[in-house]
Amino acid sequence: MRKVIALVALLGSAGIARSGELPTFKLGVLTDMTGVYADTGGPGSVAAAKMAVEDFRPETKGFRVEVVVGDHQNKADIGSAIVRRWFDVEAVDAVADAPTSSVALAVSNIVRDKNKVLMVSSAGSSDLTGKNCTPNTIHWTYDTWALANSAAKAVTAEGGKSWYFITADYAFGHALERDATQAITNAGGDVAGHALAPFQTTDFSSFVLQAQGSGADVVAMATAGGDTINAVKQASEFGLMGSGQKVVALLGYITDIHAIGLETAQGLRLTEAFYWDMNAATRAFTERYRAANEGRIPTMNQAGVYSATLHWMKAIAAIGPAKAHDGAVVVAQMKALPTQDPLFGEGSVRADGRALHDLYVFEVKRPSESKAPYDYYKLLTTIPGDQAFRPLENGGCPLVSQ
């Protein structure tokens, strides 16, 4: 009997040792944990990455994944310092999320130089797959070109020919206005003017008044996060919402609508890559997500972190852990594999690093139309993935011209 017990103990300890010897890959979720983008990324992005690891079960594929977290505080220098430490000291293999375009653009250069992997979900600049593309970066969820074109085409087709921008005065806002201007012009519209709003300002009153005074058919908020919330609230206070001028949030989230409230946000147009109530799969994911996140609803950025993390692990499994510490090799495999997950459906990753999937143009419901908590959107248009994003040949990505 003692021999049997000893043998079982020996086998058990050997199994634990073998499990502990599995190669480990580290994923760093670089995000805004407490600032203006904490609700759209932040702790929810960390939770989404961990959910992806739990669902994929990499141990059954011969490797382990550890998730670590860094708060870049929306500052490129802090984000860059975190990523350098991750790569040089903590053996991190990949970075996910990366809200704010200035941070993402700075980090992408470091990731390229260190030959790691960057999966951007929460930054919007289309330059990440344009002039600043690298063999090590994949851009998930949305970008400024896709948001601008989706909104511009839909609203211009409804008669919104002249546009006025309230633009956040940093890289993302400028890229969004630039891409929207091109889309509006291509659709036969024109731009009446713009106002540049300081990042994280709390006073949009003068910018709203300028937009009203412009007489433009459409007022477009080229802002994000808390800036969008404040801009829409103050637009309502000054009578812009519900007036003859249409109001478009070029980047908006369901968390923004929740913070603003349907009474104020009703009629607002916005584009999203994910909505929790699209189908049975998105509802099932949301139920699990809410249970782990104090009842919060996932944003498209957080869904993008889940989707990108799944695809990254699929690539590691496909090429084998021995080769998967080479970032460019992993990204090449991510481009070779079709994307498939319950949140974004089927898609692909192009040569420039752009992940292709459907986008949706929504209108915010009136309070009387909402039948349940977070039942906020009416679907206006579905834009197929192969039409939603900038044509490959038009981005100026050096990887495409080679």
Protein backbone atom coordinates (compact mmCIF):
# COMPACT_ATOMS: atom_id res chain seq x y z
CA MET A 1 0.00 0.00 0.00
CA ARG A 2 2.82 2.39 0.87
CA LYS A 3 4.49 1.63 -2.45
CA VAL A 4 1.30 2.50 -4.32
CA ILE A 5 0.92 5.79 -2.44
CA ALA A 6 4.55 6.64 -3.11
CA LEU A 7 4.17 5.86 -6.80
CA VAL A 8 1.06 8.05 -7.08
CA ALA A 9 2.85 10.88 -5.31
CA LEU A 10 5.84 10.54 -7.60
CA LEU A 11 3.71 10.59 -10.74
CA GLY A 12 1.75 13.56 -9.45
CA SER A 13 4.86 15.57 -8.72
CA ALA A 14 6.26 14.70 -12.15
CA GLY A 15 3.07 15.93 -13.78
CA ILE A 16 3.26 19.22 -11.87
CA ALA A 17 6.87 19.62 -12.92
CA ARG A 18 6.03 19.03 -16.57
CA SER A 19 3.18 21.56 -16.37
CA GLY A 20 5.48 24.10 -14.75
CA GLU A 21 8.05 23.60 -17.49
CA LEU A 22 5.67 24.70 -20.25
CA PRO A 23 7.06 27.69 -22.17
CA THR A 24 5.47 30.92 -20.95
CA PHE A 25 4.44 33.92 -23.03
CA LYS A 26 3.71 37.24 -21.38
CA LEU A 27 1.02 39.61 -22.63
CA GLY A 28 1.24 43.18 -21.37
CA VAL A 29 -2.05 45.08 -21.36
CA LEU A 30 -0.92 48.70 -21.74
CA THR A 31 -3.90 50.88 -20.91
CA ASP A 32 -5.40 53.80 -19.02
CA MET A 33 -6.42 52.43 -15.63
CA THR A 34 -7.83 55.55 -13.99
CA GLY A 35 -8.04 58.38 -16.54
CA VAL A 36 -10.35 59.52 -19.30
CA TYR A 37 -10.19 56.16 -21.16
CA ALA A 38 -10.48 53.86 -18.15
CA ASP A 39 -14.10 53.00 -18.91
CA THR A 40 -13.53 52.16 -22.57
CA GLY A 41 -10.29 50.25 -21.93
CA GLY A 42 -8.65 50.11 -18.52
CA PRO A 43 -9.59 47.33 -16.10
CA GLY A 44 -12.14 46.04 -18.62
CA SER A 45 -9.41 45.46 -21.20
CA VAL A 46 -7.39 43.54 -18.63
CA ALA A 47 -10.44 41.41 -17.82
CA ALA A 48 -11.06 40.77 -21.54
CA ALA A 49 -7.48 39.58 -22.08
CA LYS A 50 -7.77 37.21 -19.13
CA MET A 51 -11.11 35.89 -20.42
CA ALA A 52 -9.47 35.13 -23.78
CA VAL A 53 -6.70 33.17 -22.04
CA GLU A 54 -9.25 31.24 -19.99
CA ASP A 55 -11.29 30.41 -23.09
CA PHE A 56 -8.34 29.40 -25.26
CA ARG A 57 -6.69 27.25 -22.55
CA PRO A 58 -3.13 27.56 -23.93
CA GLU A 59 -1.89 24.87 -21.52
CA THR A 60 -3.69 22.35 -23.70
CA LYS A 61 -1.69 23.62 -26.70
CA GLY A 62 1.70 23.32 -25.02
CA PHE A 63 2.32 26.78 -23.57
CA ARG A 64 1.22 29.15 -20.84
CA VAL A 65 0.17 32.82 -21.04
CA GLU A 66 0.62 35.33 -18.24
CA VAL A 67 -1.13 38.70 -18.34
CA VAL A 68 0.60 41.74 -16.85
CA VAL A 69 -0.72 45.31 -16.65
CA GLY A 70 0.73 48.77 -17.20
CA ASP A 71 -0.97 52.15 -16.73
CA HIS A 72 0.43 54.65 -19.24
CA GLN A 73 -1.65 57.55 -17.86
CA ASN A 74 -2.23 58.71 -21.46
CA LYS A 75 1.38 59.85 -21.77
CA ALA A 76 3.66 58.60 -24.52
CA ASP A 77 6.81 58.85 -22.42
CA ILE A 78 5.31 56.81 -19.59
CA GLY A 79 3.92 54.22 -22.00
CA SER A 80 7.28 53.93 -23.73
CA ALA A 81 9.11 53.50 -20.42
CA ILE A 82 6.73 50.74 -19.33
CA VAL A 83 7.14 48.86 -22.60
CA ARG A 84 10.93 49.14 -22.55
CA ARG A 85 10.99 47.71 -19.02
CA TRP A 86 8.62 44.93 -20.05
CA PHE A 87 10.84 43.91 -22.93
CA ASP A 88 14.27 44.43 -21.34
CA VAL A 89 13.57 43.19 -17.81
CA GLU A 90 10.30 41.25 -17.63
CA ALA A 91 10.46 39.21 -20.88
CA VAL A 92 7.06 40.39 -22.16
CA ASP A 93 6.29 39.10 -25.65
CA ALA A 94 3.28 41.13 -26.76
CA VAL A 95 1.45 44.36 -25.91
CA ALA A 96 -2.32 44.82 -26.22
CA ASP A 97 -4.85 47.67 -26.06
CA ALA A 98 -2.72 50.90 -26.08
CA PRO A 99 -5.35 53.68 -25.92
CA THR A 100 -4.43 57.11 -27.29
CA SER A 101 -2.76 57.35 -30.67
CA SER A 102 0.30 59.22 -29.43
CA VAL A 103 1.09 56.33 -27.07
CA ALA A 104 0.39 53.64 -29.67
CA LEU A 105 2.55 55.33 -32.31
CA ALA A 106 5.46 55.74 -29.89
CA VAL A 107 5.19 52.18 -28.62
CA SER A 108 4.96 50.70 -32.12
CA ASN A 109 8.50 51.83 -32.87
CA ILE A 110 9.83 50.20 -29.72
CA VAL A 111 7.95 46.99 -30.47
CA ARG A 112 9.45 46.91 -33.98
CA ASP A 113 12.98 47.52 -32.70
CA LYS A 114 12.63 44.80 -30.04
CA ASN A 115 10.86 42.42 -32.46
CA LYS A 116 7.82 41.89 -30.25
CA VAL A 117 4.06 42.06 -31.02
CA LEU A 118 1.71 45.05 -30.69
CA MET A 119 -2.07 44.56 -30.92
CA VAL A 120 -3.73 47.96 -30.86
CA SER A 121 -7.39 47.95 -29.87
CA SER A 122 -8.05 51.33 -28.26
CA ALA A 123 -6.04 53.81 -30.36
CA GLY A 124 -7.51 55.15 -33.56
CA SER A 125 -4.90 56.70 -35.84
CA SER A 126 -5.03 55.12 -39.29
CA ASP A 127 -1.32 55.93 -39.59
CA LEU A 128 -0.69 52.74 -37.61
CA THR A 129 -1.47 50.80 -40.79
CA GLY A 130 -0.41 53.64 -43.09
CA LYS A 131 2.88 55.50 -43.12
CA ASN A 132 3.77 54.21 -39.64
CA CYS A 133 2.97 50.54 -40.23
CA THR A 134 5.50 47.94 -39.06
CA PRO A 135 5.88 44.16 -39.42
CA ASN A 136 5.13 43.86 -35.70
CA THR A 137 1.85 45.80 -35.33
CA ILE A 138 -1.75 44.72 -35.86
CA HIS A 139 -4.58 47.25 -35.57
CA TRP A 140 -7.85 45.81 -34.27
CA THR A 141 -11.35 47.24 -33.70
CA TYR A 142 -11.46 50.61 -35.52
CA ASP A 143 -9.38 53.42 -36.94
CA THR A 144 -9.95 57.04 -37.85
CA TRP A 145 -10.41 56.31 -41.57
CA ALA A 146 -13.07 53.67 -40.93
CA LEU A 147 -14.97 55.77 -38.38
CA ALA A 148 -14.86 58.86 -40.56
CA ASN A 149 -15.93 57.12 -43.73
CA SER A 150 -18.73 55.16 -42.06
CA ALA A 151 -20.28 58.26 -40.52
CA ALA A 152 -19.61 60.56 -43.45
CA LYS A 153 -21.17 58.27 -46.04
CA ALA A 154 -24.22 57.46 -43.93
CA VAL A 155 -24.99 61.02 -42.82
CA THR A 156 -24.12 62.70 -46.12
CA ALA A 157 -26.47 60.29 -47.88
CA GLU A 158 -29.25 61.58 -45.58
CA GLY A 159 -28.64 65.16 -46.69
CA GLY A 160 -25.92 66.27 -44.29
CA LYS A 161 -23.77 68.07 -46.84
CA SER A 162 -21.95 70.68 -44.74
CA TRP A 163 -19.98 69.70 -41.65
CA TYR A 164 -18.38 71.48 -38.70
CA PHE A 165 -15.85 69.72 -36.45
CA ILE A 166 -15.22 70.01 -32.73
CA THR A 167 -11.82 68.34 -32.68
CA ALA A 168 -9.65 67.12 -29.82
CA ASP A 169 -6.31 68.86 -30.22
CA TYR A 170 -3.97 65.85 -30.33
CA ALA A 171 -2.89 63.13 -32.78
CA PHE A 172 -6.13 61.13 -32.71
CA GLY A 173 -8.43 64.12 -33.14
CA HIS A 174 -6.40 65.55 -36.01
CA ALA A 175 -6.31 62.17 -37.79
CA LEU A 176 -10.06 61.73 -37.34
CA GLU A 177 -10.86 65.16 -38.76
CA ARG A 178 -8.41 64.65 -41.63
CA ASP A 179 -9.91 61.30 -42.62
CA ALA A 180 -13.48 62.54 -42.21
CA THR A 181 -12.79 65.60 -44.36
CA GLN A 182 -11.58 63.39 -47.18
CA ALA A 183 -14.63 61.13 -46.88
CA ILE A 184 -17.05 64.09 -46.80
CA THR A 185 -15.45 65.64 -49.86
CA ASN A 186 -15.54 62.32 -51.71
CA ALA A 187 -19.25 62.03 -50.85
CA GLY A 188 -20.01 65.46 -52.30
CA GLY A 189 -20.07 67.42 -49.04
CA ASP A 190 -17.93 70.23 -47.65
CA VAL A 191 -16.42 71.34 -44.35
CA ALA A 192 -17.61 74.66 -42.93
CA GLY A 193 -14.89 74.86 -40.29
CA HIS A 194 -13.58 73.46 -37.03
CA ALA A 195 -12.74 74.30 -33.44
CA LEU A 196 -9.78 72.72 -31.66
CA ALA A 197 -10.56 71.66 -28.09
CA PRO A 198 -7.75 70.99 -25.59
CA PHE A 199 -7.42 67.37 -24.53
CA GLN A 200 -9.49 66.64 -21.39
CA THR A 201 -11.04 70.11 -21.26
CA THR A 202 -14.24 70.40 -19.24
CA ASP A 203 -15.59 73.46 -21.05
CA PHE A 204 -16.88 72.96 -24.59
CA SER A 205 -19.31 75.90 -24.48
CA SER A 206 -17.41 78.20 -26.84
CA PHE A 207 -16.82 75.36 -29.32
CA VAL A 208 -20.51 74.39 -29.28
CA LEU A 209 -21.52 78.01 -29.90
CA GLN A 210 -19.10 78.22 -32.83
CA ALA A 211 -20.61 75.04 -34.27
CA GLN A 212 -24.12 76.45 -33.93
CA GLY A 213 -23.08 79.70 -35.52
CA SER A 214 -21.55 77.91 -38.50
CA GLY A 215 -24.95 76.86 -39.77
CA ALA A 216 -23.50 73.51 -40.85
CA ASP A 217 -25.90 70.61 -41.42
CA VAL A 218 -23.78 68.32 -39.24
CA VAL A 219 -21.70 68.90 -36.13
CA ALA A 220 -19.09 66.15 -35.74
CA MET A 221 -17.36 65.45 -32.44
CA ALA A 222 -13.81 64.34 -33.33
CA THR A 223 -13.21 63.44 -29.70
CA ALA A 224 -13.11 60.39 -27.46
CA GLY A 225 -13.93 59.19 -23.96
CA GLY A 226 -14.67 61.84 -21.38
CA ASP A 227 -14.21 64.56 -23.98
CA THR A 228 -17.10 63.16 -26.02
CA ILE A 229 -19.29 62.87 -22.93
CA ASN A 230 -18.67 66.50 -21.97
CA ALA A 231 -19.07 67.75 -25.53
CA VAL A 232 -22.43 66.02 -26.07
CA LYS A 233 -23.79 67.09 -22.66
CA GLN A 234 -22.91 70.71 -23.31
CA ALA A 235 -24.25 70.50 -26.87
CA SER A 236 -27.56 69.49 -25.32
CA GLU A 237 -27.42 72.30 -22.76
CA PHE A 238 -26.99 74.87 -25.53
CA GLY A 239 -29.81 73.42 -27.61
CA LEU A 240 -27.68 71.83 -30.31
CA MET A 241 -29.04 68.32 -29.72
CA GLY A 242 -32.49 68.02 -31.24
CA SER A 243 -32.06 71.13 -33.37
CA GLY A 244 -31.96 71.09 -37.14
CA GLN A 245 -28.26 70.25 -37.02
CA LYS A 246 -27.38 66.54 -36.84
CA VAL A 247 -24.80 65.61 -34.19
CA VAL A 248 -22.35 62.81 -34.88
CA ALA A 249 -19.86 61.30 -32.44
CA LEU A 250 -17.12 60.11 -34.77
CA LEU A 251 -15.90 57.90 -31.94
CA GLY A 252 -18.47 56.93 -29.32
CA TYR A 253 -18.98 54.04 -26.96
CA ILE A 254 -21.93 52.54 -25.16
CA THR A 255 -20.27 53.62 -21.90
CA ASP A 256 -20.39 57.20 -23.18
CA ILE A 257 -24.12 56.90 -23.90
CA HIS A 258 -24.68 55.43 -20.45
CA ALA A 259 -22.85 58.36 -18.85
CA ILE A 260 -24.71 60.93 -20.96
CA GLY A 261 -28.16 59.32 -20.61
CA LEU A 262 -30.71 58.60 -23.34
CA GLU A 263 -32.67 61.75 -22.64
CA THR A 264 -29.66 63.82 -23.68
CA ALA A 265 -28.00 61.48 -26.21
CA GLN A 266 -31.10 60.42 -28.18
CA GLY A 267 -30.64 60.85 -31.92
CA LEU A 268 -26.83 60.88 -31.74
CA ARG A 269 -25.15 58.94 -34.57
CA LEU A 270 -22.05 56.84 -33.98
CA THR A 271 -20.11 53.90 -35.42
CA GLU A 272 -19.15 50.81 -33.42
CA ALA A 273 -17.34 47.57 -34.18
CA PHE A 274 -19.14 45.64 -31.43
CA TYR A 275 -22.48 45.90 -29.65
CA TRP A 276 -23.35 43.60 -26.78
CA ASP A 277 -26.89 42.93 -28.08
CA MET A 278 -26.06 42.03 -31.68
CA ASN A 279 -26.64 38.26 -31.39
CA ALA A 280 -26.67 35.29 -29.03
CA ALA A 281 -22.87 35.02 -28.96
CA THR A 282 -22.31 38.67 -28.02
CA ARG A 283 -25.01 38.45 -25.35
CA ALA A 284 -23.46 35.29 -23.86
CA PHE A 285 -20.02 36.94 -23.74
CA THR A 286 -21.49 40.05 -22.16
CA GLU A 287 -23.21 38.02 -19.44
CA ARG A 288 -19.89 36.43 -18.48
CA TYR A 289 -18.05 39.73 -18.73
CA ARG A 290 -20.53 41.54 -16.52
CA ALA A 291 -20.33 38.82 -13.89
CA ALA A 292 -16.58 39.39 -13.66
CA ASN A 293 -16.70 43.19 -13.92
CA GLU A 294 -19.24 44.47 -11.41
CA GLY A 295 -22.06 44.55 -13.95
CA ARG A 296 -20.26 46.71 -16.53
CA ILE A 297 -20.98 46.34 -20.25
CA PRO A 298 -18.01 45.63 -22.58
CA THR A 299 -17.00 48.29 -25.07
CA MET A 300 -15.76 47.59 -28.58
CA ASN A 301 -12.19 48.28 -27.40
CA GLN A 302 -12.46 45.63 -24.69
CA ALA A 303 -14.04 43.22 -27.15
CA GLY A 304 -11.13 43.96 -29.47
CA VAL A 305 -8.62 43.02 -26.78
CA TYR A 306 -10.42 39.68 -26.33
CA SER A 307 -10.48 39.03 -30.08
CA ALA A 308 -6.85 40.05 -30.69
CA THR A 309 -5.58 38.02 -27.74
CA LEU A 310 -7.37 34.92 -29.03
CA HIS A 311 -5.86 35.35 -32.48
CA TRP A 312 -2.38 35.89 -31.06
CA MET A 313 -2.60 32.62 -29.14
CA LYS A 314 -3.89 30.80 -32.22
CA ALA A 315 -0.79 32.00 -34.08
CA ILE A 316 1.50 30.76 -31.30
CA ALA A 317 -0.19 27.37 -31.39
CA ALA A 318 0.09 27.23 -35.19
CA ILE A 319 3.83 27.93 -35.44
CA GLY A 320 4.79 26.27 -32.16
CA PRO A 321 6.11 27.88 -28.99
CA ALA A 322 9.76 27.44 -30.02
CA LYS A 323 9.39 30.04 -32.81
CA ALA A 324 6.81 32.27 -31.15
CA HIS A 325 9.13 34.60 -29.24
CA ASP A 326 9.95 36.14 -32.65
CA GLY A 327 7.39 38.91 -32.95
CA ALA A 328 7.55 39.36 -36.72
CA VAL A 329 7.06 35.62 -37.23
CA VAL A 330 4.00 35.63 -34.96
CA VAL A 331 2.47 38.65 -36.71
CA ALA A 332 3.07 37.03 -40.10
CA GLN A 333 1.18 33.97 -38.87
CA MET A 334 -1.64 36.16 -37.55
CA LYS A 335 -1.94 37.62 -41.06
CA ALA A 336 -1.94 34.16 -42.61
CA LEU A 337 -4.70 32.80 -40.37
CA PRO A 338 -8.33 33.85 -40.89
CA THR A 339 -9.85 35.53 -37.83
CA GLN A 340 -12.82 33.88 -36.18
CA ASP A 341 -14.35 34.58 -32.79
CA PRO A 342 -17.81 35.03 -31.24
CA LEU A 343 -17.56 38.82 -30.98
CA PHE A 344 -16.40 39.94 -34.42
CA GLY A 345 -17.22 36.86 -36.47
CA GLU A 346 -15.13 35.94 -39.50
CA GLY A 347 -12.45 38.23 -40.85
CA SER A 348 -8.80 38.55 -41.77
CA VAL A 349 -5.65 40.57 -41.15
CA ARG A 350 -4.17 42.38 -44.14
CA ALA A 351 -0.53 42.85 -45.11
CA ASP A 352 -0.53 46.33 -43.54
CA GLY A 353 -1.68 44.92 -40.19
CA ARG A 354 -5.30 46.06 -40.48
CA ALA A 355 -7.79 43.57 -39.01
CA LEU A 356 -10.91 43.47 -41.21
CA HIS A 357 -14.40 42.95 -39.75
CA ASP A 358 -17.83 44.53 -40.05
CA LEU A 359 -18.64 47.98 -38.65
CA TYR A 360 -22.08 49.26 -37.66
CA VAL A 361 -23.62 52.73 -37.81
CA PHE A 362 -26.11 53.23 -34.97
CA GLU A 363 -28.57 55.87 -33.83
CA VAL A 364 -29.12 56.29 -30.10
CA LYS A 365 -32.68 55.38 -29.12
CA ARG A 366 -35.22 57.63 -27.50
CA PRO A 367 -35.93 56.73 -23.86
CA SER A 368 -39.33 55.34 -24.84
CA GLU A 369 -37.68 52.93 -27.30
CA SER A 370 -35.30 51.39 -24.76
CA LYS A 371 -36.75 48.24 -23.20
CA ALA A 372 -33.92 47.16 -20.89
CA PRO A 373 -30.68 48.44 -19.32
CA TYR A 374 -28.10 49.24 -22.04
CA ASP A 375 -30.69 48.77 -24.79
CA TYR A 376 -29.42 51.94 -26.41
CA TYR A 377 -28.89 51.45 -30.15
CA LYS A 378 -30.89 51.24 -33.37
CA LEU A 379 -28.88 49.72 -36.21
CA LEU A 380 -28.88 51.97 -39.28
CA THR A 381 -26.24 50.40 -41.51
CA THR A 382 -23.88 47.40 -41.52
CA ILE A 383 -20.63 48.01 -43.40
CA PRO A 384 -18.86 44.81 -44.50
CA GLY A 385 -15.25 44.47 -43.42
CA ASP A 386 -13.86 44.63 -46.92
CA GLN A 387 -15.55 48.02 -47.37
CA ALA A 388 -15.27 49.44 -43.86
CA PHE A 389 -11.54 50.14 -43.87
CA ARG A 390 -9.21 52.13 -46.11
CA PRO A 391 -8.22 50.33 -49.32
CA LEU A 392 -4.88 48.60 -48.90
CA GLU A 393 -3.24 50.46 -51.77
CA ASN A 394 -4.22 53.89 -50.41
CA GLY A 395 -2.58 53.76 -46.99
CA GLY A 396 1.07 54.31 -47.90
CA CYS A 397 2.24 51.39 -45.77
CA PRO A 398 5.84 50.48 -46.70
CA LEU A 399 5.04 46.80 -46.21
CA VAL A 400 2.59 46.97 -49.10
CA SER A 401 4.85 48.86 -51.51
CA GLN A 402 7.77 46.46 -51.03
